[in-house]
Amino acid sequence: MTTIPETMKAILLAEPGVHFRLQQAQLSTPMPTAQQVLVKVEYTGLGSLDEKFAQQGAPCWQYPHVLGFDAVGTVVDAPKGMHPGVGTRVMWHNDISTPGVMSEYVAVANYALAVVPEHVDPIVAACLPTPGMTALIALLKLQLDEGDSIFIEAGHTCTGQLAIQFAKQQGLMVFTSCPDGFQELLKELGADAVFAEQDENLADLIQRQYGYDGVQGVIDSTGKYTNELLSLLQFCGRISCISGLPQLDDALLFKKAPNIGVVSLPGAWLAKSICAQQRMSFLGNILMDNLQQENLRISKHELVAFESGEITRALRQTQHALGTFQSIKVA
């Protein structure tokens, strides 16, 4: 039987902001409720969501706050008969309204967990929930059919790389954009055409070179060029916005009549939607199946030490924005 200590190590966000400050602390080990299991954390993911909330914070947080959204660990305490049971390795995207996952133990709702298969690398699994679930939800919102075309903005990012691979699994024609130096990688991941980040008149280029008079779907990754991306769509095409909505061009909306979807993983928790939270388990299982079958390629990975200075360095370098998947070794 596993002995659970009364206290645990954790990484706290002391205060949010551009010059956010992290600190190491010793906290009481959480006590799971009737709908929760206690997980001993092995690895946590580190990515764009951590960077965003380290800088902006969240209205529902009190500081200092345990940071972190994505993790892999082993269940060490669970009510009798609950699934997953003690000894099961699991992966999840954490509830934004509770303490985060950069700690040795986390109490988490059992219905939001995905089981990590025996031969799946937990280091890789830990960095997949946010970018992987975001990519899958963005694609599901587009409701595209085999043979349809899609433009994935910023395909070099972690979410973009996964979206390209899932889009090709659906049989889509994939167009994407990236900075210099990533073109060959994105073609290897399955992109049919890769455009430079600064390319203009993309709609004309796509029509002239590939014969598509607009694409059926767009994934807007950054929110920086939403109006330009809307112009790529066919009439009544669909766009999934990962980074919220900027001010949209009314004339363009009138011309294109797009179907607009917004992707928000934290929203599933803030809305207290158990159905949406259970869906995370379903999406997590898809990610694990793809890893187990070696259908997903993780191009570059960095392992970060469980230390406030190293985590601060990793977040401020924003390697995830340049396509590097990052995990923190907790135990």
Protein backbone atom coordinates (compact mmCIF):
# COMPACT_ATOMS: atom_id res chain seq x y z
CA MET A 1 0.00 0.00 0.00
CA THR A 2 1.32 3.43 -0.98
CA THR A 3 2.06 5.78 1.91
CA ILE A 4 0.69 9.24 1.15
CA PRO A 5 2.63 12.05 2.85
CA GLU A 6 0.87 14.88 4.65
CA THR A 7 2.75 17.53 2.66
CA MET A 8 4.04 17.85 -0.91
CA LYS A 9 6.27 20.03 -3.07
CA ALA A 10 4.59 22.47 -5.49
CA ILE A 11 5.35 25.34 -7.87
CA LEU A 12 3.30 28.47 -7.17
CA LEU A 13 2.48 31.49 -9.29
CA ALA A 14 3.19 34.20 -6.70
CA GLU A 15 1.83 36.96 -8.91
CA PRO A 16 0.81 37.11 -12.59
CA GLY A 17 2.09 39.63 -15.10
CA VAL A 18 4.62 40.11 -17.88
CA HIS A 19 7.29 39.66 -15.20
CA PHE A 20 5.42 36.84 -13.45
CA ARG A 21 7.08 35.25 -10.45
CA LEU A 22 7.12 31.54 -9.59
CA GLN A 23 8.14 30.10 -6.24
CA GLN A 24 8.65 26.67 -4.72
CA ALA A 25 6.56 25.72 -1.71
CA GLN A 26 5.60 22.89 0.64
CA LEU A 27 1.81 22.45 0.79
CA SER A 28 -0.65 20.09 2.41
CA THR A 29 -1.42 17.05 0.25
CA PRO A 30 -5.00 17.43 -1.10
CA MET A 31 -7.85 15.24 0.12
CA PRO A 32 -10.01 13.93 -2.76
CA THR A 33 -13.80 14.29 -2.61
CA ALA A 34 -16.28 11.52 -3.40
CA GLN A 35 -16.03 12.20 -7.17
CA GLN A 36 -12.25 12.50 -7.19
CA VAL A 37 -9.16 10.32 -7.12
CA LEU A 38 -5.74 11.28 -5.77
CA VAL A 39 -2.98 11.13 -8.37
CA LYS A 40 0.76 11.08 -7.71
CA VAL A 41 2.10 13.28 -10.50
CA GLU A 42 4.99 12.01 -12.60
CA TYR A 43 5.19 14.61 -15.40
CA THR A 44 3.37 17.83 -16.21
CA GLY A 45 3.10 19.47 -19.60
CA LEU A 46 4.29 23.01 -20.19
CA GLY A 47 2.85 25.09 -23.00
CA SER A 48 1.08 28.16 -24.31
CA LEU A 49 -1.77 27.98 -21.79
CA ASP A 50 0.67 28.03 -18.87
CA GLU A 51 2.44 31.03 -20.38
CA LYS A 52 -0.84 32.87 -20.99
CA PHE A 53 -2.17 32.41 -17.46
CA ALA A 54 1.20 33.09 -15.83
CA GLN A 55 1.02 36.50 -17.47
CA GLN A 56 -2.72 37.20 -17.23
CA GLY A 57 -3.83 35.18 -14.24
CA ALA A 58 -7.48 34.13 -13.89
CA PRO A 59 -10.40 35.81 -12.07
CA CYS A 60 -11.11 32.60 -10.13
CA TRP A 61 -7.55 32.32 -8.74
CA GLN A 62 -6.18 33.50 -5.42
CA TYR A 63 -2.46 33.99 -5.12
CA PRO A 64 -0.15 32.29 -4.65
CA HIS A 65 -1.71 29.67 -6.98
CA VAL A 66 -0.38 26.26 -8.03
CA LEU A 67 0.28 26.56 -11.77
CA GLY A 68 -0.19 23.93 -14.48
CA PHE A 69 -2.91 22.32 -16.62
CA ASP A 70 -1.64 19.04 -18.14
CA ALA A 71 -0.25 16.02 -16.33
CA VAL A 72 0.40 12.29 -16.22
CA GLY A 73 0.53 10.36 -12.97
CA THR A 74 -0.60 7.25 -11.11
CA VAL A 75 -3.78 6.95 -9.06
CA VAL A 76 -2.80 6.30 -5.42
CA ASP A 77 -6.16 6.76 -3.68
CA ALA A 78 -9.69 6.18 -4.99
CA PRO A 79 -13.05 5.06 -3.60
CA LYS A 80 -13.63 1.33 -3.89
CA GLY A 81 -15.04 0.41 -7.29
CA MET A 82 -14.24 3.76 -8.91
CA HIS A 83 -12.62 3.84 -12.35
CA PRO A 84 -9.75 4.38 -12.88
CA GLY A 85 -8.59 2.51 -9.81
CA VAL A 86 -5.47 2.63 -7.67
CA GLY A 87 -2.32 1.82 -9.64
CA THR A 88 -3.64 3.12 -12.98
CA ARG A 89 -1.53 5.62 -14.91
CA VAL A 90 -3.69 8.49 -16.17
CA MET A 91 -3.50 11.71 -18.19
CA TRP A 92 -5.73 14.78 -17.92
CA HIS A 93 -6.35 18.48 -18.53
CA ASN A 94 -6.94 20.05 -15.13
CA ASP A 95 -9.86 22.10 -13.76
CA ILE A 96 -8.84 25.79 -14.01
CA SER A 97 -10.87 26.64 -10.89
CA THR A 98 -8.78 24.32 -8.68
CA PRO A 99 -5.06 24.25 -7.81
CA GLY A 100 -2.94 23.30 -10.83
CA VAL A 101 -0.85 20.22 -11.52
CA MET A 102 2.69 21.46 -10.78
CA SER A 103 2.70 19.55 -7.50
CA GLU A 104 3.52 16.06 -6.31
CA TYR A 105 -0.15 15.14 -5.77
CA VAL A 106 -3.41 16.33 -7.37
CA ALA A 107 -7.06 15.54 -6.59
CA VAL A 108 -8.93 15.28 -9.88
CA ALA A 109 -12.41 14.27 -11.08
CA ASN A 110 -12.30 10.64 -12.17
CA TYR A 111 -14.56 11.20 -15.20
CA ALA A 112 -12.08 13.61 -16.83
CA LEU A 113 -9.19 11.14 -16.84
CA ALA A 114 -7.79 9.12 -19.74
CA VAL A 115 -5.88 5.91 -19.08
CA VAL A 116 -2.30 5.88 -20.38
CA PRO A 117 -1.55 2.55 -22.11
CA GLU A 118 1.39 0.54 -20.81
CA HIS A 119 3.74 1.17 -23.73
CA VAL A 120 3.01 4.90 -24.16
CA ASP A 121 5.82 7.20 -23.02
CA PRO A 122 4.42 9.26 -20.08
CA ILE A 123 6.87 12.07 -20.84
CA VAL A 124 5.24 12.57 -24.24
CA ALA A 125 1.70 11.93 -22.98
CA ALA A 126 2.03 14.73 -20.40
CA CYS A 127 2.59 17.45 -22.99
CA LEU A 128 -0.36 16.46 -25.22
CA PRO A 129 -3.65 17.37 -23.46
CA THR A 130 -3.81 21.10 -24.22
CA PRO A 131 -2.43 21.14 -27.80
CA GLY A 132 -3.92 17.76 -28.69
CA MET A 133 -7.42 18.36 -27.33
CA THR A 134 -7.41 21.87 -28.79
CA ALA A 135 -6.52 20.52 -32.25
CA LEU A 136 -9.18 17.80 -32.06
CA ILE A 137 -11.94 20.18 -30.89
CA ALA A 138 -10.99 22.75 -33.54
CA LEU A 139 -11.31 20.09 -36.24
CA LEU A 140 -14.58 18.70 -34.86
CA LYS A 141 -16.13 22.19 -34.94
CA LEU A 142 -15.31 22.47 -38.65
CA GLN A 143 -17.35 19.35 -39.54
CA LEU A 144 -15.30 18.69 -42.66
CA ASP A 145 -15.58 15.64 -44.90
CA GLU A 146 -12.89 13.60 -46.61
CA GLY A 147 -11.57 15.54 -49.60
CA ASP A 148 -12.41 18.95 -48.12
CA SER A 149 -9.70 21.58 -47.73
CA ILE A 150 -8.45 23.29 -44.59
CA PHE A 151 -6.03 26.12 -43.82
CA ILE A 152 -4.19 25.73 -40.49
CA GLU A 153 -2.56 28.97 -39.42
CA ALA A 154 0.81 28.69 -37.61
CA GLY A 155 1.27 25.01 -38.39
CA HIS A 156 4.70 25.06 -36.72
CA THR A 157 3.23 25.44 -33.21
CA CYS A 158 2.54 22.36 -31.06
CA THR A 159 -1.21 22.64 -31.70
CA GLY A 160 -0.61 23.26 -35.40
CA GLN A 161 1.63 20.22 -35.80
CA LEU A 162 -0.97 17.96 -34.20
CA ALA A 163 -3.81 19.55 -36.17
CA ILE A 164 -1.99 18.84 -39.44
CA GLN A 165 -1.60 15.17 -38.54
CA PHE A 166 -5.22 14.76 -37.44
CA ALA A 167 -6.45 16.60 -40.54
CA LYS A 168 -4.56 14.20 -42.80
CA GLN A 169 -6.07 11.27 -40.91
CA GLN A 170 -9.47 12.70 -41.93
CA GLY A 171 -8.38 12.79 -45.57
CA LEU A 172 -8.33 16.59 -45.83
CA MET A 173 -6.31 18.75 -48.20
CA VAL A 174 -4.11 20.68 -45.78
CA PHE A 175 -2.72 24.18 -46.36
CA THR A 176 -0.69 25.81 -43.61
CA SER A 177 1.64 28.71 -42.82
CA CYS A 178 4.81 29.04 -40.77
CA PRO A 179 8.00 31.09 -40.34
CA ASP A 180 11.13 30.23 -42.29
CA GLY A 181 12.78 26.99 -41.24
CA PHE A 182 9.68 24.88 -40.61
CA GLN A 183 8.48 24.17 -44.15
CA GLU A 184 10.10 20.76 -44.55
CA LEU A 185 8.93 19.56 -41.13
CA LEU A 186 5.32 20.48 -41.84
CA LYS A 187 5.43 18.72 -45.21
CA GLU A 188 6.80 15.63 -43.46
CA LEU A 189 3.87 15.81 -41.01
CA GLY A 190 1.48 15.73 -43.97
CA ALA A 191 0.82 19.32 -45.08
CA ASP A 192 0.05 19.44 -48.81
CA ALA A 193 1.18 23.06 -49.17
CA VAL A 194 3.13 25.32 -46.82
CA PHE A 195 3.11 29.10 -47.17
CA ALA A 196 5.45 31.64 -45.60
CA GLU A 197 4.03 33.53 -42.63
CA GLN A 198 4.36 36.82 -44.51
CA ASP A 199 2.76 35.62 -47.77
CA GLU A 200 0.01 37.93 -49.00
CA ASN A 201 -2.96 37.18 -51.26
CA LEU A 202 -3.10 33.59 -50.04
CA ALA A 203 -6.56 33.08 -51.51
CA ASP A 204 -5.20 33.91 -54.99
CA LEU A 205 -2.15 31.67 -54.47
CA ILE A 206 -4.29 28.72 -53.38
CA GLN A 207 -6.70 29.16 -56.28
CA ARG A 208 -3.97 29.66 -58.88
CA GLN A 209 -1.69 26.84 -57.72
CA TYR A 210 -4.16 24.28 -56.37
CA GLY A 211 -7.52 25.10 -57.94
CA TYR A 212 -9.40 25.71 -54.68
CA ASP A 213 -11.69 28.74 -54.83
CA GLY A 214 -11.58 29.16 -51.07
CA VAL A 215 -11.21 26.49 -48.40
CA GLN A 216 -14.01 24.84 -46.46
CA GLY A 217 -12.37 25.26 -43.05
CA VAL A 218 -9.79 27.35 -41.20
CA ILE A 219 -8.07 26.93 -37.84
CA ASP A 220 -7.17 30.39 -36.52
CA SER A 221 -4.33 29.68 -34.07
CA THR A 222 -3.11 33.11 -32.98
CA GLY A 223 -6.00 35.56 -33.46
CA LYS A 224 -3.60 37.97 -35.20
CA TYR A 225 -4.89 37.52 -38.74
CA THR A 226 -8.53 36.44 -38.27
CA ASN A 227 -9.95 38.76 -40.93
CA GLU A 228 -7.33 37.65 -43.47
CA LEU A 229 -8.14 34.02 -42.65
CA LEU A 230 -11.87 34.65 -43.08
CA SER A 231 -11.14 35.88 -46.59
CA LEU A 232 -9.76 32.41 -47.45
CA LEU A 233 -13.09 30.72 -46.74
CA GLN A 234 -15.71 29.63 -49.20
CA PHE A 235 -19.15 31.15 -48.65
CA CYS A 236 -20.58 29.73 -45.39
CA GLY A 237 -17.26 28.07 -44.59
CA ARG A 238 -16.22 27.34 -41.01
CA ILE A 239 -13.49 28.78 -38.81
CA SER A 240 -12.29 27.54 -35.40
CA CYS A 241 -10.71 30.27 -33.29
CA ILE A 242 -8.27 29.05 -30.66
CA SER A 243 -7.18 32.43 -29.24
CA GLY A 244 -10.51 34.23 -28.94
CA LEU A 245 -12.07 36.72 -31.37
CA PRO A 246 -10.60 40.09 -32.37
CA GLN A 247 -12.62 42.90 -33.96
CA LEU A 248 -14.07 41.40 -37.14
CA ASP A 249 -14.67 43.16 -40.45
CA ASP A 250 -18.47 43.55 -40.85
CA ALA A 251 -18.24 43.75 -44.64
CA LEU A 252 -16.22 40.54 -44.72
CA LEU A 253 -18.72 38.77 -42.45
CA PHE A 254 -21.55 39.87 -44.76
CA LYS A 255 -19.63 38.63 -47.80
CA LYS A 256 -18.53 35.24 -46.39
CA ALA A 257 -21.30 34.43 -43.84
CA PRO A 258 -18.86 32.21 -41.91
CA ASN A 259 -19.74 29.72 -39.20
CA ILE A 260 -17.49 30.75 -36.30
CA GLY A 261 -16.50 28.41 -33.47
CA VAL A 262 -14.42 29.26 -30.39
CA VAL A 263 -12.25 26.65 -28.66
CA SER A 264 -11.84 26.89 -24.87
CA LEU A 265 -10.61 23.97 -22.78
CA PRO A 266 -10.82 25.92 -19.48
CA GLY A 267 -14.41 26.83 -20.38
CA ALA A 268 -15.48 23.21 -19.87
CA TRP A 269 -14.63 23.64 -16.20
CA LEU A 270 -15.77 27.24 -15.75
CA ALA A 271 -19.18 26.38 -17.26
CA LYS A 272 -19.38 23.40 -14.85
CA SER A 273 -20.39 21.20 -17.78
CA ILE A 274 -19.86 17.59 -16.73
CA CYS A 275 -20.65 16.53 -20.31
CA ALA A 276 -17.79 18.72 -21.63
CA GLN A 277 -15.48 17.47 -18.88
CA GLN A 278 -16.27 13.85 -19.75
CA ARG A 279 -15.56 14.72 -23.37
CA MET A 280 -12.01 15.54 -22.30
CA SER A 281 -11.62 11.92 -21.22
CA PHE A 282 -12.89 10.83 -24.65
CA LEU A 283 -10.43 13.16 -26.42
CA GLY A 284 -7.64 11.99 -24.12
CA ASN A 285 -8.37 8.40 -25.14
CA ILE A 286 -8.07 9.40 -28.82
CA LEU A 287 -4.68 10.97 -28.09
CA MET A 288 -3.50 7.86 -26.22
CA ASP A 289 -4.72 5.54 -29.01
CA ASN A 290 -2.81 7.59 -31.57
CA LEU A 291 0.37 7.47 -29.49
CA GLN A 292 0.00 3.75 -28.92
CA GLN A 293 -0.44 3.12 -32.64
CA GLU A 294 2.45 5.51 -33.43
CA ASN A 295 0.18 7.72 -35.54
CA LEU A 296 1.42 10.96 -33.98
CA ARG A 297 4.87 12.43 -34.42
CA ILE A 298 6.33 14.71 -31.76
CA SER A 299 9.08 16.53 -33.63
CA LYS A 300 11.03 18.06 -30.76
CA HIS A 301 10.81 17.68 -26.99
CA GLU A 302 12.44 19.30 -23.97
CA LEU A 303 12.38 17.93 -20.41
CA VAL A 304 12.36 20.66 -17.75
CA ALA A 305 13.41 20.28 -14.12
CA PHE A 306 10.82 20.62 -11.32
CA GLU A 307 12.32 23.87 -10.11
CA SER A 308 10.83 27.38 -10.21
CA GLY A 309 13.80 28.98 -11.96
CA GLU A 310 13.94 26.37 -14.71
CA ILE A 311 10.18 26.52 -15.29
CA THR A 312 10.31 30.33 -15.44
CA ARG A 313 13.11 30.12 -18.01
CA ALA A 314 11.18 27.61 -20.11
CA LEU A 315 8.00 29.70 -20.08
CA ARG A 316 9.78 32.93 -20.97
CA GLN A 317 11.63 31.29 -23.86
CA THR A 318 8.21 30.13 -25.19
CA GLN A 319 9.72 27.18 -27.03
CA HIS A 320 6.22 25.69 -27.39
CA ALA A 321 5.40 28.58 -29.75
CA LEU A 322 8.27 27.36 -31.91
CA GLY A 323 7.04 23.79 -31.99
CA THR A 324 8.96 22.34 -29.04
CA PHE A 325 6.86 20.14 -26.76
CA GLN A 326 7.85 20.53 -23.09
CA SER A 327 7.33 18.38 -20.00
CA ILE A 328 8.36 18.82 -16.38
CA LYS A 329 9.70 15.82 -14.49
CA VAL A 330 7.96 15.91 -11.09
CA ALA A 331 8.68 12.44 -9.71
